[in-house]
């Protein structure tokens, strides 16, 4: 006969917990796991501000705000004339109507041995109907919405006069006008800042849901067009970072030294990645694909940076 004090055989289930022998064990059922993910999203604290040099000619700042709502802002400033700096837009097949294979930003960085990468233009086809029911998955064919070129190969044409960033072989960067022979081109959906001023209109912001805080990605240039500025704002993450409106994003661009600035694909696409230890991709921001923090969305094209380690 077993003693009443024998605690090794008694188990009692209580919601997502199993109490066994006086020890509380987490029951990893799908419902319980989703419940704990949801709790983590709601209670996740904001990170600490930080400023650091990532690579030669590349600095990074993480700004943390609590007003008008929780907001985490990631800013990378690249000196285009620093030794070793060069750029790459995701290569595509100009002979295919869907010239790209969808990749996460981490995949792009690793595949092309880059030191820094950020998501790029909007793309199609795309849909999101649930955690597993979405398109594209990794490797699925997609097409960028705007003009795109990689190392002189133009693989996507303009569809609706989208704004675009031209970067020459010698790192001369300019919005909407090429500087010499076509080399790298990446498009966005809206110019936010021109000559140091916000250029948004109410009709523009309403068309692309710009009045609502969301995760955002922007590319900007300083007045001398020597420094390329990448800005990613985390969003849709309760107490951590709820995101920015487009008006706020424009003001952020100006505050970070941007004289010209373009809105890129945002929402679940917004992802900023660097090369970390042992050459592995390290996610800098907190992307949120399918409402799951730190989950990356496979996207069409990206902007990558080579730098001296």
Protein backbone atom coordinates (compact mmCIF):
# COMPACT_ATOMS: atom_id res chain seq x y z
CA UNK A 1 0.00 0.00 0.00
CA UNK A 2 1.31 3.45 -0.96
CA UNK A 3 1.77 6.02 1.76
CA UNK A 4 -0.58 9.05 1.78
CA UNK A 5 2.60 11.09 1.64
CA UNK A 6 3.74 9.52 -1.63
CA UNK A 7 3.86 12.59 -3.89
CA UNK A 8 5.29 10.98 -7.01
CA UNK A 9 2.03 9.63 -8.35
CA UNK A 10 -0.38 12.46 -7.74
CA UNK A 11 -1.14 14.81 -10.61
CA UNK A 12 -3.73 17.52 -10.82
CA UNK A 13 -4.44 19.59 -13.93
CA UNK A 14 -5.40 23.21 -13.51
CA UNK A 15 -5.80 25.14 -16.80
CA UNK A 16 -2.34 25.36 -18.38
CA UNK A 17 -0.55 23.89 -15.36
CA UNK A 18 0.07 20.36 -14.13
CA UNK A 19 0.84 19.98 -10.41
CA UNK A 20 2.91 16.82 -9.88
CA UNK A 21 4.68 15.94 -6.67
CA UNK A 22 4.36 19.53 -5.51
CA UNK A 23 6.06 20.78 -8.69
CA UNK A 24 4.23 23.07 -11.12
CA UNK A 25 4.81 22.10 -14.75
CA UNK A 26 3.78 24.11 -17.80
CA UNK A 27 1.46 22.15 -20.10
CA UNK A 28 2.57 22.99 -23.63
CA UNK A 29 -0.74 22.50 -25.39
CA UNK A 30 -1.41 24.76 -28.40
CA UNK A 31 -4.07 26.75 -26.53
CA UNK A 32 -1.84 27.17 -23.48
CA UNK A 33 1.14 28.17 -25.61
CA UNK A 34 -0.91 30.81 -27.44
CA UNK A 35 -2.20 32.08 -24.09
CA UNK A 36 1.31 32.58 -22.77
CA UNK A 37 2.42 34.25 -26.01
CA UNK A 38 -0.52 36.64 -25.66
CA UNK A 39 0.39 37.38 -22.02
CA UNK A 40 4.03 37.99 -22.98
CA UNK A 41 2.95 40.43 -25.73
CA UNK A 42 0.79 42.37 -23.29
CA UNK A 43 3.34 42.52 -20.46
CA UNK A 44 6.62 42.74 -22.36
CA UNK A 45 8.66 45.70 -21.05
CA UNK A 46 10.34 48.26 -23.27
CA UNK A 47 14.10 47.89 -23.87
CA UNK A 48 16.76 50.38 -22.81
CA UNK A 49 17.94 53.16 -25.17
CA UNK A 50 21.30 52.49 -26.77
CA UNK A 51 23.76 54.09 -29.22
CA UNK A 52 26.63 52.10 -30.73
CA UNK A 53 28.85 51.61 -33.76
CA UNK A 54 27.90 48.47 -35.64
CA UNK A 55 30.54 48.48 -38.37
CA UNK A 56 32.97 50.90 -39.96
CA UNK A 57 30.83 53.88 -41.06
CA UNK A 58 27.59 52.49 -39.58
CA UNK A 59 26.07 53.70 -36.30
CA UNK A 60 22.91 52.50 -34.57
CA UNK A 61 20.56 54.22 -32.13
CA UNK A 62 17.60 52.72 -30.28
CA UNK A 63 15.27 55.41 -28.97
CA UNK A 64 12.50 54.52 -26.53
CA UNK A 65 9.43 56.71 -26.07
CA UNK A 66 6.42 56.47 -23.79
CA UNK A 67 4.44 59.39 -25.27
CA UNK A 68 2.04 59.72 -27.02
CA UNK A 69 2.21 55.92 -26.76
CA UNK A 70 4.91 53.27 -26.25
CA UNK A 71 7.29 53.45 -29.21
CA UNK A 72 10.68 51.87 -29.96
CA UNK A 73 12.57 53.56 -32.81
CA UNK A 74 15.62 52.01 -34.51
CA UNK A 75 17.87 54.32 -36.53
CA UNK A 76 20.89 53.25 -38.56
CA UNK A 77 23.06 55.97 -40.11
CA UNK A 78 25.44 54.93 -42.88
CA UNK A 79 28.32 57.08 -44.10
CA UNK A 80 28.26 56.20 -47.81
CA UNK A 81 31.86 57.37 -48.20
CA UNK A 82 33.28 55.21 -45.40
CA UNK A 83 35.78 52.52 -46.47
CA UNK A 84 34.16 49.23 -47.40
CA UNK A 85 30.58 50.52 -47.68
CA UNK A 86 28.53 49.27 -50.64
CA UNK A 87 24.88 48.40 -51.25
CA UNK A 88 22.80 45.60 -52.69
CA UNK A 89 19.13 45.42 -53.63
CA UNK A 90 17.78 41.87 -53.73
CA UNK A 91 18.52 40.42 -57.20
CA UNK A 92 15.58 39.36 -59.37
CA UNK A 93 14.86 37.67 -62.70
CA UNK A 94 13.88 40.31 -65.26
CA UNK A 95 12.42 37.61 -67.54
CA UNK A 96 9.85 36.46 -64.99
CA UNK A 97 6.56 38.21 -64.20
CA UNK A 98 7.19 37.28 -60.55
CA UNK A 99 10.94 37.95 -60.47
CA UNK A 100 11.67 37.33 -56.78
CA UNK A 101 11.59 34.44 -54.34
CA UNK A 102 10.21 35.62 -51.00
CA UNK A 103 12.84 35.71 -48.25
CA UNK A 104 12.95 36.94 -44.70
CA UNK A 105 15.38 39.80 -44.14
CA UNK A 106 17.62 37.43 -42.17
CA UNK A 107 17.70 35.00 -45.10
CA UNK A 108 18.67 37.82 -47.45
CA UNK A 109 21.50 38.97 -45.19
CA UNK A 110 22.87 35.44 -44.77
CA UNK A 111 22.53 34.42 -48.41
CA UNK A 112 24.50 37.41 -49.70
CA UNK A 113 26.95 37.67 -46.78
CA UNK A 114 25.83 41.20 -45.89
CA UNK A 115 26.50 43.14 -42.70
CA UNK A 116 23.14 44.94 -42.54
CA UNK A 117 19.74 44.53 -44.21
CA UNK A 118 16.24 46.02 -44.07
CA UNK A 119 12.97 45.14 -45.79
CA UNK A 120 12.14 47.02 -48.97
CA UNK A 121 9.26 47.68 -51.35
CA UNK A 122 5.71 46.39 -51.11
CA UNK A 123 5.06 43.26 -53.14
CA UNK A 124 2.36 41.07 -54.62
CA UNK A 125 0.65 38.65 -54.41
CA UNK A 126 0.09 38.93 -50.67
CA UNK A 127 -2.60 37.91 -48.21
CA UNK A 128 -2.89 37.18 -44.49
CA UNK A 129 -5.76 35.00 -43.23
CA UNK A 130 -4.27 33.39 -40.13
CA UNK A 131 -1.12 32.12 -38.47
CA UNK A 132 -0.55 29.47 -41.13
CA UNK A 133 -2.78 30.73 -43.95
CA UNK A 134 -0.77 33.49 -45.58
CA UNK A 135 1.18 34.26 -48.74
CA UNK A 136 4.04 34.33 -49.47
CA UNK A 137 5.92 31.67 -47.57
CA UNK A 138 9.69 31.39 -47.97
CA UNK A 139 10.58 30.70 -51.59
CA UNK A 140 7.18 31.66 -53.06
CA UNK A 141 7.34 33.86 -56.19
CA UNK A 142 6.44 37.55 -55.78
CA UNK A 143 6.90 40.85 -57.59
CA UNK A 144 7.84 44.23 -56.09
CA UNK A 145 5.27 46.95 -56.68
CA UNK A 146 7.68 49.63 -57.88
CA UNK A 147 10.81 50.06 -59.97
CA UNK A 148 13.62 47.79 -58.83
CA UNK A 149 17.16 47.06 -59.98
CA UNK A 150 20.10 45.14 -58.58
CA UNK A 151 23.62 45.77 -59.84
CA UNK A 152 22.34 47.25 -63.09
CA UNK A 153 19.71 44.59 -63.76
CA UNK A 154 16.25 46.24 -63.85
CA UNK A 155 13.83 43.44 -63.00
CA UNK A 156 10.67 45.39 -62.09
CA UNK A 157 9.09 48.39 -63.81
CA UNK A 158 7.11 51.25 -62.30
CA UNK A 159 3.39 50.68 -61.85
CA UNK A 160 2.12 53.97 -60.43
CA UNK A 161 4.92 56.54 -60.26
CA UNK A 162 6.16 55.28 -56.89
CA UNK A 163 9.02 57.19 -55.24
CA UNK A 164 12.36 55.45 -55.50
CA UNK A 165 15.90 55.59 -54.21
CA UNK A 166 18.73 55.34 -56.74
CA UNK A 167 22.15 54.23 -55.48
CA UNK A 168 25.01 54.23 -57.97
CA UNK A 169 27.94 51.85 -58.13
CA UNK A 170 29.99 54.55 -56.35
CA UNK A 171 27.34 55.00 -53.59
CA UNK A 172 25.87 58.25 -54.89
CA UNK A 173 22.32 58.20 -53.55
CA UNK A 174 19.35 60.28 -54.65
CA UNK A 175 15.58 60.02 -54.60
CA UNK A 176 13.62 59.86 -57.87
CA UNK A 177 16.50 60.87 -60.18
CA UNK A 178 19.36 58.55 -61.14
CA UNK A 179 22.92 59.72 -60.63
CA UNK A 180 24.69 58.29 -63.65
CA UNK A 181 24.22 54.75 -64.93
CA UNK A 182 21.46 52.68 -63.28
CA UNK A 183 22.81 50.35 -60.61
CA UNK A 184 20.66 49.75 -57.50
CA UNK A 185 17.05 50.98 -57.29
CA UNK A 186 14.50 50.35 -54.55
CA UNK A 187 11.01 51.87 -54.38
CA UNK A 188 8.67 52.91 -51.59
CA UNK A 189 5.09 54.12 -51.60
CA UNK A 190 5.24 57.76 -50.46
CA UNK A 191 7.71 60.58 -50.00
CA UNK A 192 7.41 61.82 -46.43
CA UNK A 193 10.10 64.52 -46.31
CA UNK A 194 11.42 66.76 -49.11
CA UNK A 195 14.03 69.46 -48.51
CA UNK A 196 13.67 69.07 -44.79
CA UNK A 197 9.88 69.54 -44.73
CA UNK A 198 6.95 67.18 -44.27
CA UNK A 199 5.08 66.74 -47.56
CA UNK A 200 2.18 64.55 -46.44
CA UNK A 201 -1.39 65.40 -47.30
CA UNK A 202 -4.50 64.13 -45.52
CA UNK A 203 -5.61 62.29 -48.66
CA UNK A 204 -2.27 60.49 -48.92
CA UNK A 205 -2.31 59.32 -45.31
CA UNK A 206 -5.91 58.08 -45.52
CA UNK A 207 -5.22 56.00 -48.63
CA UNK A 208 -2.54 53.89 -46.94
CA UNK A 209 -3.90 53.96 -43.37
CA UNK A 210 -1.29 56.49 -42.36
CA UNK A 211 -3.27 58.00 -39.47
CA UNK A 212 -3.11 54.78 -37.46
CA UNK A 213 0.04 53.68 -35.56
CA UNK A 214 1.72 50.70 -37.21
CA UNK A 215 5.21 49.24 -37.58
CA UNK A 216 7.06 51.41 -40.10
CA UNK A 217 10.18 51.36 -42.28
CA UNK A 218 11.68 54.44 -43.93
CA UNK A 219 14.78 55.33 -45.95
CA UNK A 220 16.19 58.86 -45.79
CA UNK A 221 19.15 60.96 -46.91
CA UNK A 222 20.77 63.91 -45.17
CA UNK A 223 21.04 67.28 -46.91
CA UNK A 224 24.43 66.49 -48.45
CA UNK A 225 23.17 63.04 -49.54
CA UNK A 226 26.25 61.53 -47.93
CA UNK A 227 24.45 59.71 -45.14
CA UNK A 228 21.78 57.12 -45.75
CA UNK A 229 19.44 56.80 -42.78
CA UNK A 230 17.35 53.67 -42.14
CA UNK A 231 14.50 53.99 -39.65
CA UNK A 232 12.37 51.12 -38.35
CA UNK A 233 9.63 51.67 -35.77
CA UNK A 234 8.29 48.61 -33.96
CA UNK A 235 4.53 48.33 -33.61
CA UNK A 236 1.44 46.28 -32.67
CA UNK A 237 3.08 45.24 -29.40
CA UNK A 238 1.02 46.70 -26.52
CA UNK A 239 3.29 48.06 -23.76
CA UNK A 240 6.46 47.53 -25.83
CA UNK A 241 5.84 49.59 -28.97
CA UNK A 242 2.53 50.41 -30.59
CA UNK A 243 3.94 51.98 -33.76
CA UNK A 244 3.91 55.36 -35.48
CA UNK A 245 1.61 57.25 -37.81
CA UNK A 246 3.05 58.51 -41.09
CA UNK A 247 3.05 62.07 -39.78
CA UNK A 248 5.06 60.90 -36.78
CA UNK A 249 7.38 58.93 -39.04
CA UNK A 250 8.06 62.08 -41.08
CA UNK A 251 8.90 63.98 -37.91
CA UNK A 252 11.19 61.16 -36.79
CA UNK A 253 13.03 61.32 -40.13
CA UNK A 254 13.60 65.05 -39.71
CA UNK A 255 14.72 64.63 -36.08
CA UNK A 256 17.31 62.03 -37.17
CA UNK A 257 18.83 64.37 -39.77
CA UNK A 258 16.84 63.30 -42.81
CA UNK A 259 16.41 66.01 -45.46
CA UNK A 260 14.60 63.63 -47.80
CA UNK A 261 12.68 60.56 -46.69
CA UNK A 262 10.55 57.78 -48.22
CA UNK A 263 8.08 55.40 -46.62
CA UNK A 264 8.72 51.74 -47.35
CA UNK A 265 6.63 48.61 -46.83
CA UNK A 266 5.65 48.47 -43.15
CA UNK A 267 3.41 46.47 -40.85
CA UNK A 268 4.53 42.87 -40.48
CA UNK A 269 7.26 43.45 -43.10
CA UNK A 270 9.30 45.92 -41.02
CA UNK A 271 12.54 44.13 -40.15
CA UNK A 272 16.09 45.30 -39.48
CA UNK A 273 18.92 42.75 -39.30
CA UNK A 274 22.68 42.85 -38.79
CA UNK A 275 25.48 40.34 -39.01
CA UNK A 276 26.18 39.06 -35.51
CA UNK A 277 28.57 36.64 -33.87
CA UNK A 278 30.02 33.94 -36.14
CA UNK A 279 28.42 35.68 -39.11
CA UNK A 280 24.89 34.77 -38.07
CA UNK A 281 21.94 37.07 -38.76
CA UNK A 282 20.83 38.99 -35.67
CA UNK A 283 17.47 40.76 -35.68
CA UNK A 284 17.82 44.30 -34.30
CA UNK A 285 14.17 45.30 -34.04
CA UNK A 286 11.06 43.39 -32.99
CA UNK A 287 9.20 42.37 -36.17
CA UNK A 288 5.64 41.07 -35.83
CA UNK A 289 4.42 38.75 -38.55
CA UNK A 290 0.96 37.21 -38.02
CA UNK A 291 0.77 39.08 -34.68
CA UNK A 292 3.67 37.04 -33.28
CA UNK A 293 6.55 39.23 -32.01
CA UNK A 294 10.02 38.41 -33.38
CA UNK A 295 8.52 36.38 -36.23
CA UNK A 296 9.81 37.59 -39.61
CA UNK A 297 7.68 37.90 -42.72
CA UNK A 298 9.04 36.60 -46.03
CA UNK A 299 9.07 39.66 -48.29
CA UNK A 300 10.00 40.59 -51.84
CA UNK A 301 13.09 42.76 -51.98
CA UNK A 302 15.41 44.32 -49.43
CA UNK A 303 18.21 46.82 -49.16
CA UNK A 304 21.50 45.35 -47.97
CA UNK A 305 24.76 46.95 -46.87
CA UNK A 306 28.31 45.62 -47.03
CA UNK A 307 30.74 47.09 -44.50
CA UNK A 308 34.13 46.45 -43.00
CA UNK A 309 33.83 44.40 -39.83
